[in-house]
């Protein structure tokens, strides 16, 4: 019930009234929707508490879905499937909870697409992700013949008896604020038989056989030819991309991976000021760790690490340790660095936040598992500071 109470308290009264009336829930005792907003939550919670188990389960299931789209990643997904002309109308709503609930009630297909985008973006550049490059400017075919051929290919390589596919246009906002037009293909396929424990209608513990459904995603960007896939394992990722290129783009599959990201840490060999934009709420940047390898001697390395509670920079530490006789630039190559970005406190919290990034030369960075905001900050400033030096449009982590 805690999740239900949180959702009800964050959702405007008018949106809640629309939901409960449209879904025909019987609220007993009845809720006086004409009362001030602050006076309807307790009666509404009492009415929810009096619901039958079936009705309450139906409510909780919907609230879980809607609440999942009311956070940063979910809201970005909702906007990504919304026409630009409709966005000002969404902007005018009170908050993310109202936008998510409105989409669920009034645009079910778009809400489902937003859920699929959220799944895709949550795993983007993570362990389940792979990137390929193919021809620029292809049209993703959606006719019955192309869809049938694609689904048949998915069934053949996976052994699934059933599979389905959802194809739609969406937008991805880059870390620089630009918008890329994508076509997303979401694949659902049936897995091998499994079973689970449940209680039957007489309260007895029984096992129930079922076949799980696995989700996978392919996105294609016509402007760059980038095609990205999210799936559980390497073989499945390759087969899905092959099927998509062959049957949905109608061209020959060539296994060309996106080039790896490239990091250059040489800017940190001397003191650096880390320029930032005031609007991003960054209060300072510190280099907490440098791993150094002597030039011409890859068999040895030195690690410098500062104490957060002590004053002084890592470059001052290097000068002290080396007695200013050897500059980092003249003697070492940096192979790993740890940066801490100090962020202004959140308006609702007094505690200061920080983002710590570890970058390993030449291809490693731990930003991929962070929140969308943290990834935006990291991506934007690693490029500005000259640490991330690859092509921002076609890269693979």
Protein backbone atom coordinates (compact mmCIF):
# COMPACT_ATOMS: atom_id res chain seq x y z
CA UNK A 1 0.00 0.00 0.00
CA UNK A 2 2.96 2.34 0.44
CA UNK A 3 3.43 2.61 -3.33
CA UNK A 4 -0.29 3.31 -3.78
CA UNK A 5 -0.25 6.04 -1.13
CA UNK A 6 2.83 7.67 -2.66
CA UNK A 7 1.25 7.67 -6.10
CA UNK A 8 -2.05 9.12 -4.86
CA UNK A 9 -0.28 11.91 -2.98
CA UNK A 10 1.75 12.93 -6.03
CA UNK A 11 -1.06 12.83 -8.60
CA UNK A 12 -3.39 15.83 -9.03
CA UNK A 13 -7.00 15.38 -7.93
CA UNK A 14 -8.50 15.86 -11.40
CA UNK A 15 -6.26 13.15 -12.86
CA UNK A 16 -7.16 10.72 -10.06
CA UNK A 17 -10.86 11.37 -10.54
CA UNK A 18 -10.57 10.70 -14.28
CA UNK A 19 -8.77 7.44 -13.61
CA UNK A 20 -11.11 6.02 -10.96
CA UNK A 21 -14.21 7.00 -12.95
CA UNK A 22 -12.90 5.77 -16.29
CA UNK A 23 -11.79 2.44 -14.84
CA UNK A 24 -15.16 2.11 -13.03
CA UNK A 25 -13.77 1.37 -9.56
CA UNK A 26 -16.41 1.18 -6.84
CA UNK A 27 -15.15 3.46 -4.07
CA UNK A 28 -16.77 2.72 -0.73
CA UNK A 29 -17.06 5.04 1.10
CA UNK A 30 -17.53 7.39 -1.88
CA UNK A 31 -14.91 10.11 -2.40
CA UNK A 32 -16.07 13.73 -2.54
CA UNK A 33 -14.07 14.92 -5.54
CA UNK A 34 -15.31 18.49 -4.96
CA UNK A 35 -13.39 18.67 -1.69
CA UNK A 36 -9.99 20.43 -1.55
CA UNK A 37 -7.12 18.32 -2.84
CA UNK A 38 -5.59 17.92 0.62
CA UNK A 39 -8.82 16.39 1.93
CA UNK A 40 -9.34 13.57 -0.56
CA UNK A 41 -6.24 11.43 0.04
CA UNK A 42 -7.31 9.88 3.37
CA UNK A 43 -10.85 9.02 2.16
CA UNK A 44 -9.40 7.64 -1.05
CA UNK A 45 -6.93 5.45 0.84
CA UNK A 46 -9.77 4.17 3.06
CA UNK A 47 -11.79 3.31 -0.04
CA UNK A 48 -8.80 1.48 -1.56
CA UNK A 49 -8.37 -0.44 1.70
CA UNK A 50 -11.99 -1.62 1.46
CA UNK A 51 -11.61 -2.96 -2.09
CA UNK A 52 -11.77 -6.64 -2.82
CA UNK A 53 -8.43 -8.39 -3.36
CA UNK A 54 -9.14 -8.61 -7.09
CA UNK A 55 -9.93 -4.88 -7.42
CA UNK A 56 -6.94 -3.86 -5.32
CA UNK A 57 -4.62 -6.07 -7.36
CA UNK A 58 -5.95 -4.45 -10.53
CA UNK A 59 -5.29 -1.01 -9.07
CA UNK A 60 -1.78 -1.83 -7.82
CA UNK A 61 -0.80 -3.34 -11.18
CA UNK A 62 -1.78 -0.17 -13.02
CA UNK A 63 -0.19 2.14 -10.45
CA UNK A 64 3.09 0.20 -10.65
CA UNK A 65 3.15 0.71 -14.44
CA UNK A 66 2.20 4.38 -14.31
CA UNK A 67 4.54 5.22 -11.43
CA UNK A 68 7.45 3.57 -13.27
CA UNK A 69 6.94 6.11 -16.08
CA UNK A 70 6.82 9.09 -13.69
CA UNK A 71 10.55 9.22 -12.98
CA UNK A 72 13.33 10.81 -15.02
CA UNK A 73 13.85 7.90 -17.42
CA UNK A 74 10.14 7.22 -17.83
CA UNK A 75 9.26 10.83 -18.53
CA UNK A 76 12.01 11.07 -21.14
CA UNK A 77 10.51 7.97 -22.77
CA UNK A 78 7.02 9.53 -22.83
CA UNK A 79 8.35 12.64 -24.57
CA UNK A 80 10.36 10.51 -27.01
CA UNK A 81 7.15 9.00 -28.47
CA UNK A 82 5.16 12.26 -28.38
CA UNK A 83 4.84 14.46 -31.45
CA UNK A 84 6.65 17.78 -31.06
CA UNK A 85 3.38 19.68 -31.59
CA UNK A 86 1.82 17.87 -28.59
CA UNK A 87 4.68 18.48 -26.14
CA UNK A 88 3.55 21.95 -24.95
CA UNK A 89 0.28 20.38 -23.88
CA UNK A 90 2.16 17.77 -21.86
CA UNK A 91 4.36 20.52 -20.40
CA UNK A 92 1.27 22.27 -19.06
CA UNK A 93 0.34 19.32 -16.83
CA UNK A 94 1.17 19.55 -13.13
CA UNK A 95 3.89 16.92 -12.92
CA UNK A 96 5.28 13.66 -14.27
CA UNK A 97 2.61 11.58 -12.48
CA UNK A 98 -0.19 13.43 -14.26
CA UNK A 99 1.55 13.10 -17.63
CA UNK A 100 2.09 9.39 -17.16
CA UNK A 101 -1.47 8.73 -15.99
CA UNK A 102 -2.96 10.79 -18.83
CA UNK A 103 -0.92 8.82 -21.38
CA UNK A 104 -2.04 5.53 -19.83
CA UNK A 105 -5.72 6.53 -19.94
CA UNK A 106 -5.84 8.25 -23.30
CA UNK A 107 -3.08 6.82 -25.50
CA UNK A 108 -2.56 3.17 -24.60
CA UNK A 109 -0.42 2.36 -27.66
CA UNK A 110 1.82 5.36 -27.06
CA UNK A 111 2.10 4.49 -23.37
CA UNK A 112 3.19 0.95 -24.28
CA UNK A 113 5.74 2.35 -26.73
CA UNK A 114 7.05 4.63 -23.98
CA UNK A 115 7.45 1.58 -21.71
CA UNK A 116 9.42 -0.13 -24.47
CA UNK A 117 11.60 2.96 -24.91
CA UNK A 118 12.23 3.06 -21.16
CA UNK A 119 13.35 -0.59 -21.25
CA UNK A 120 15.63 0.17 -24.19
CA UNK A 121 17.18 3.31 -22.71
CA UNK A 122 17.66 1.70 -19.29
CA UNK A 123 19.93 -0.90 -20.90
CA UNK A 124 21.51 1.39 -23.51
CA UNK A 125 25.30 0.87 -23.65
CA UNK A 126 25.09 -1.64 -20.80
CA UNK A 127 25.99 -5.31 -20.68
CA UNK A 128 23.04 -6.31 -22.87
CA UNK A 129 23.86 -3.74 -25.58
CA UNK A 130 25.76 -3.99 -28.87
CA UNK A 131 26.17 -1.50 -31.70
CA UNK A 132 26.55 -2.09 -35.42
CA UNK A 133 26.71 0.15 -38.48
CA UNK A 134 24.95 -0.43 -41.78
CA UNK A 135 23.73 1.63 -44.72
CA UNK A 136 22.51 5.20 -44.23
CA UNK A 137 18.99 6.28 -45.17
CA UNK A 138 17.23 2.91 -45.26
CA UNK A 139 13.48 2.68 -44.77
CA UNK A 140 12.34 0.22 -42.11
CA UNK A 141 9.66 -1.89 -43.80
CA UNK A 142 6.50 -2.51 -41.78
CA UNK A 143 4.28 -4.37 -44.25
CA UNK A 144 2.91 -7.79 -43.35
CA UNK A 145 5.41 -9.65 -45.53
CA UNK A 146 8.45 -7.97 -43.93
CA UNK A 147 7.11 -8.41 -40.40
CA UNK A 148 6.26 -12.07 -41.05
CA UNK A 149 9.76 -12.77 -42.44
CA UNK A 150 11.41 -11.03 -39.50
CA UNK A 151 9.30 -12.88 -36.91
CA UNK A 152 9.96 -16.18 -38.70
CA UNK A 153 13.71 -15.54 -38.49
CA UNK A 154 13.42 -14.80 -34.75
CA UNK A 155 11.52 -18.04 -34.19
CA UNK A 156 13.99 -20.05 -36.25
CA UNK A 157 17.18 -19.05 -34.45
CA UNK A 158 15.61 -18.99 -30.95
CA UNK A 159 13.39 -22.05 -31.24
CA UNK A 160 10.43 -20.04 -29.93
CA UNK A 161 6.95 -21.23 -30.83
CA UNK A 162 5.56 -17.71 -30.56
CA UNK A 163 6.99 -14.26 -31.19
CA UNK A 164 5.62 -10.77 -31.78
CA UNK A 165 7.09 -7.46 -32.88
CA UNK A 166 6.25 -3.78 -32.32
CA UNK A 167 7.67 -1.16 -34.76
CA UNK A 168 7.36 2.58 -34.16
CA UNK A 169 9.17 5.90 -34.56
CA UNK A 170 10.75 7.63 -31.61
CA UNK A 171 13.24 10.35 -30.71
CA UNK A 172 16.42 10.08 -28.66
CA UNK A 173 17.80 13.26 -27.11
CA UNK A 174 21.59 13.38 -27.19
CA UNK A 175 23.72 14.69 -24.35
CA UNK A 176 24.24 17.89 -26.36
CA UNK A 177 20.48 18.49 -26.49
CA UNK A 178 20.05 17.48 -30.14
CA UNK A 179 17.29 15.06 -31.17
CA UNK A 180 17.90 11.96 -33.28
CA UNK A 181 15.09 10.27 -35.18
CA UNK A 182 15.04 6.51 -34.64
CA UNK A 183 12.87 3.57 -35.56
CA UNK A 184 12.54 1.12 -32.67
CA UNK A 185 11.69 -2.54 -33.12
CA UNK A 186 10.66 -4.31 -29.92
CA UNK A 187 10.66 -8.12 -30.04
CA UNK A 188 8.80 -10.43 -27.68
CA UNK A 189 9.59 -14.13 -27.90
CA UNK A 190 8.55 -17.16 -25.93
CA UNK A 191 11.16 -18.95 -23.83
CA UNK A 192 11.58 -22.53 -22.68
CA UNK A 193 9.04 -24.06 -20.24
CA UNK A 194 9.45 -23.21 -16.57
CA UNK A 195 7.28 -23.33 -13.47
CA UNK A 196 6.52 -21.18 -10.46
CA UNK A 197 4.93 -21.54 -7.04
CA UNK A 198 1.53 -19.97 -6.41
CA UNK A 199 -1.52 -20.38 -4.18
CA UNK A 200 -4.64 -21.79 -5.80
CA UNK A 201 -8.21 -20.62 -5.05
CA UNK A 202 -8.31 -22.90 -1.99
CA UNK A 203 -5.10 -21.50 -0.50
CA UNK A 204 -2.98 -24.53 -1.39
CA UNK A 205 0.61 -24.09 -2.59
CA UNK A 206 0.92 -25.51 -6.11
CA UNK A 207 3.32 -25.36 -9.03
CA UNK A 208 2.15 -23.81 -12.27
CA UNK A 209 3.87 -24.40 -15.59
CA UNK A 210 4.40 -21.42 -17.87
CA UNK A 211 6.65 -20.14 -20.66
CA UNK A 212 8.42 -16.83 -19.91
CA UNK A 213 8.45 -14.04 -22.48
CA UNK A 214 11.77 -12.38 -23.30
CA UNK A 215 12.04 -8.83 -24.58
CA UNK A 216 14.67 -7.52 -26.99
CA UNK A 217 15.07 -4.23 -28.85
CA UNK A 218 16.61 -3.00 -32.10
CA UNK A 219 16.89 0.68 -32.99
CA UNK A 220 17.92 2.05 -36.40
CA UNK A 221 19.02 5.64 -37.01
CA UNK A 222 18.64 6.46 -40.73
CA UNK A 223 20.85 9.58 -40.53
CA UNK A 224 23.95 7.65 -39.42
CA UNK A 225 23.24 4.01 -40.29
CA UNK A 226 23.70 3.08 -36.64
CA UNK A 227 21.80 -0.02 -35.58
CA UNK A 228 21.80 -0.97 -31.91
CA UNK A 229 20.46 -4.04 -30.17
CA UNK A 230 19.60 -4.99 -26.59
CA UNK A 231 19.23 -8.68 -25.77
CA UNK A 232 20.36 -11.17 -23.15
CA UNK A 233 23.38 -12.72 -24.88
CA UNK A 234 25.89 -12.09 -27.66
CA UNK A 235 24.57 -14.73 -30.06
CA UNK A 236 20.99 -13.46 -29.74
CA UNK A 237 22.12 -9.86 -30.32
CA UNK A 238 23.91 -10.79 -33.53
CA UNK A 239 21.02 -12.89 -34.85
CA UNK A 240 18.46 -10.17 -34.13
CA UNK A 241 20.54 -7.52 -35.93
CA UNK A 242 21.07 -9.89 -38.86
CA UNK A 243 17.31 -10.56 -39.12
CA UNK A 244 16.48 -6.84 -38.84
CA UNK A 245 18.95 -5.78 -41.54
CA UNK A 246 17.92 -8.60 -43.87
CA UNK A 247 14.13 -8.52 -43.51
CA UNK A 248 13.24 -5.01 -42.27
CA UNK A 249 15.87 -2.97 -44.11
CA UNK A 250 16.00 -5.29 -47.11
CA UNK A 251 19.79 -5.23 -47.52
CA UNK A 252 22.65 -7.68 -47.08
CA UNK A 253 23.93 -8.19 -43.55
CA UNK A 254 27.59 -7.33 -43.02
CA UNK A 255 28.90 -7.66 -39.48
CA UNK A 256 30.35 -4.19 -38.92
CA UNK A 257 30.52 -3.12 -35.29
CA UNK A 258 30.46 0.49 -34.19
CA UNK A 259 33.96 1.73 -33.31
CA UNK A 260 34.94 1.76 -29.65
CA UNK A 261 34.84 4.90 -27.51
CA UNK A 262 38.18 6.60 -27.18
CA UNK A 263 39.46 8.34 -24.03
CA UNK A 264 42.58 10.50 -23.74
CA UNK A 265 43.76 11.32 -20.20
CA UNK A 266 46.80 13.41 -21.15
CA UNK A 267 44.97 16.65 -20.27
CA UNK A 268 45.30 15.61 -16.60
CA UNK A 269 49.10 15.50 -16.69
CA UNK A 270 49.12 19.18 -15.65
CA UNK A 271 46.73 21.18 -13.42
CA UNK A 272 43.36 21.66 -15.11
CA UNK A 273 40.47 23.99 -14.23
CA UNK A 274 37.52 21.92 -15.58
CA UNK A 275 35.26 24.63 -17.12
CA UNK A 276 31.51 24.05 -16.53
CA UNK A 277 28.20 25.78 -17.24
CA UNK A 278 26.61 27.45 -14.23
CA UNK A 279 23.17 26.15 -15.23
CA UNK A 280 24.26 22.54 -14.59
CA UNK A 281 24.72 23.17 -10.86
CA UNK A 282 28.30 21.90 -10.65
CA UNK A 283 30.14 23.32 -7.66
CA UNK A 284 33.55 21.87 -8.43
CA UNK A 285 35.57 19.01 -9.92
CA UNK A 286 38.41 17.13 -8.25
CA UNK A 287 40.86 14.53 -9.51
CA UNK A 288 40.89 11.90 -6.78
CA UNK A 289 43.11 9.28 -8.39
CA UNK A 290 45.68 8.94 -11.19
CA UNK A 291 47.29 5.66 -12.22
CA UNK A 292 50.60 6.36 -13.95
CA UNK A 293 52.83 4.21 -16.12
CA UNK A 294 56.42 5.39 -16.73
CA UNK A 295 57.12 6.23 -20.37
CA UNK A 296 59.02 3.32 -21.92
CA UNK A 297 58.40 0.98 -18.97
CA UNK A 298 54.95 -0.60 -19.17
CA UNK A 299 55.88 -3.19 -16.52
CA UNK A 300 55.58 -0.70 -13.64
CA UNK A 301 52.91 1.74 -12.50
CA UNK A 302 52.32 4.28 -9.76
CA UNK A 303 48.93 5.23 -8.29
CA UNK A 304 48.34 8.63 -6.71
CA UNK A 305 45.19 8.98 -4.60
CA UNK A 306 44.08 12.03 -2.61
CA UNK A 307 42.26 12.01 0.72
CA UNK A 308 38.88 13.81 0.33
CA UNK A 309 39.20 15.26 3.83
CA UNK A 310 42.59 16.86 3.11
CA UNK A 311 43.33 20.05 1.21
CA UNK A 312 45.49 20.17 -1.90
CA UNK A 313 45.31 18.80 -5.42
CA UNK A 314 46.67 15.60 -6.87
CA UNK A 315 49.20 17.65 -8.86
CA UNK A 316 50.51 19.23 -5.64
CA UNK A 317 50.88 15.71 -4.27
CA UNK A 318 52.86 14.68 -7.35
CA UNK A 319 55.17 17.69 -6.99
CA UNK A 320 55.77 16.82 -3.35
CA UNK A 321 56.39 13.11 -3.95
CA UNK A 322 58.71 13.68 -6.88
CA UNK A 323 60.36 16.69 -5.22
CA UNK A 324 59.43 18.74 -8.30
CA UNK A 325 62.28 17.02 -10.14
CA UNK A 326 60.07 15.15 -12.59
CA UNK A 327 56.90 16.49 -14.23
CA UNK A 328 54.11 14.04 -14.93
CA UNK A 329 54.01 15.09 -18.58
CA UNK A 330 57.67 14.34 -19.13
CA UNK A 331 57.81 11.00 -17.35
CA UNK A 332 54.40 9.27 -17.29
CA UNK A 333 51.33 8.15 -19.22
CA UNK A 334 48.01 8.20 -17.35
CA UNK A 335 46.16 4.90 -17.73
CA UNK A 336 43.34 5.51 -15.23
CA UNK A 337 41.77 8.54 -13.56
CA UNK A 338 39.01 9.02 -11.01
CA UNK A 339 37.12 12.33 -11.09
CA UNK A 340 34.59 13.57 -8.55
CA UNK A 341 32.04 16.13 -9.75
CA UNK A 342 30.45 18.01 -6.84
CA UNK A 343 26.80 18.80 -7.59
CA UNK A 344 24.60 21.40 -5.92
CA UNK A 345 22.12 19.91 -3.39
CA UNK A 346 18.74 18.82 -4.73
CA UNK A 347 16.01 21.39 -3.91
CA UNK A 348 14.24 18.84 -1.70
CA UNK A 349 17.38 17.73 0.14
CA UNK A 350 20.11 19.46 2.08
CA UNK A 351 22.82 16.88 1.48
CA UNK A 352 25.35 17.65 -1.26
CA UNK A 353 25.52 15.18 -4.13
CA UNK A 354 28.53 14.02 -6.08
CA UNK A 355 29.22 12.03 -9.23
CA UNK A 356 32.39 9.93 -9.31
CA UNK A 357 33.65 8.74 -12.68
CA UNK A 358 36.45 6.27 -13.32
CA UNK A 359 37.98 6.49 -16.79
CA UNK A 360 40.44 3.86 -18.01
CA UNK A 361 42.59 4.49 -21.07
CA UNK A 362 41.83 3.90 -23.90
CA UNK A 363 38.22 2.62 -23.94
CA UNK A 364 36.82 2.32 -20.39
CA UNK A 365 34.38 4.43 -18.38
CA UNK A 366 31.86 3.44 -15.67
CA UNK A 367 29.15 5.97 -16.63
CA UNK A 368 26.99 3.44 -18.47
CA UNK A 369 25.25 2.21 -15.29
CA UNK A 370 24.41 5.69 -13.94
CA UNK A 371 21.21 7.73 -14.10
CA UNK A 372 20.32 9.64 -17.25
CA UNK A 373 21.28 12.97 -15.62
CA UNK A 374 24.64 11.64 -14.47
CA UNK A 375 25.34 10.23 -17.92
CA UNK A 376 24.43 13.58 -19.48
CA UNK A 377 26.82 15.44 -17.19
CA UNK A 378 29.60 12.94 -17.75
CA UNK A 379 29.19 12.76 -21.52
CA UNK A 380 28.93 16.51 -21.97
CA UNK A 381 31.92 17.46 -19.87
CA UNK A 382 34.25 14.59 -20.71
CA UNK A 383 33.98 15.85 -24.29
CA UNK A 384 34.41 19.49 -23.32
CA UNK A 385 37.48 18.70 -21.21
CA UNK A 386 39.09 16.78 -24.08
CA UNK A 387 38.95 13.40 -22.33
CA UNK A 388 36.31 11.75 -24.54
CA UNK A 389 37.66 12.18 -28.05
CA UNK A 390 35.69 9.86 -30.35
CA UNK A 391 32.95 10.54 -32.89
CA UNK A 392 29.84 11.21 -30.74
CA UNK A 393 27.46 9.77 -33.34
CA UNK A 394 28.88 6.31 -33.97
CA UNK A 395 30.54 4.72 -30.97
CA UNK A 396 30.44 1.49 -29.01
CA UNK A 397 31.22 1.15 -25.31
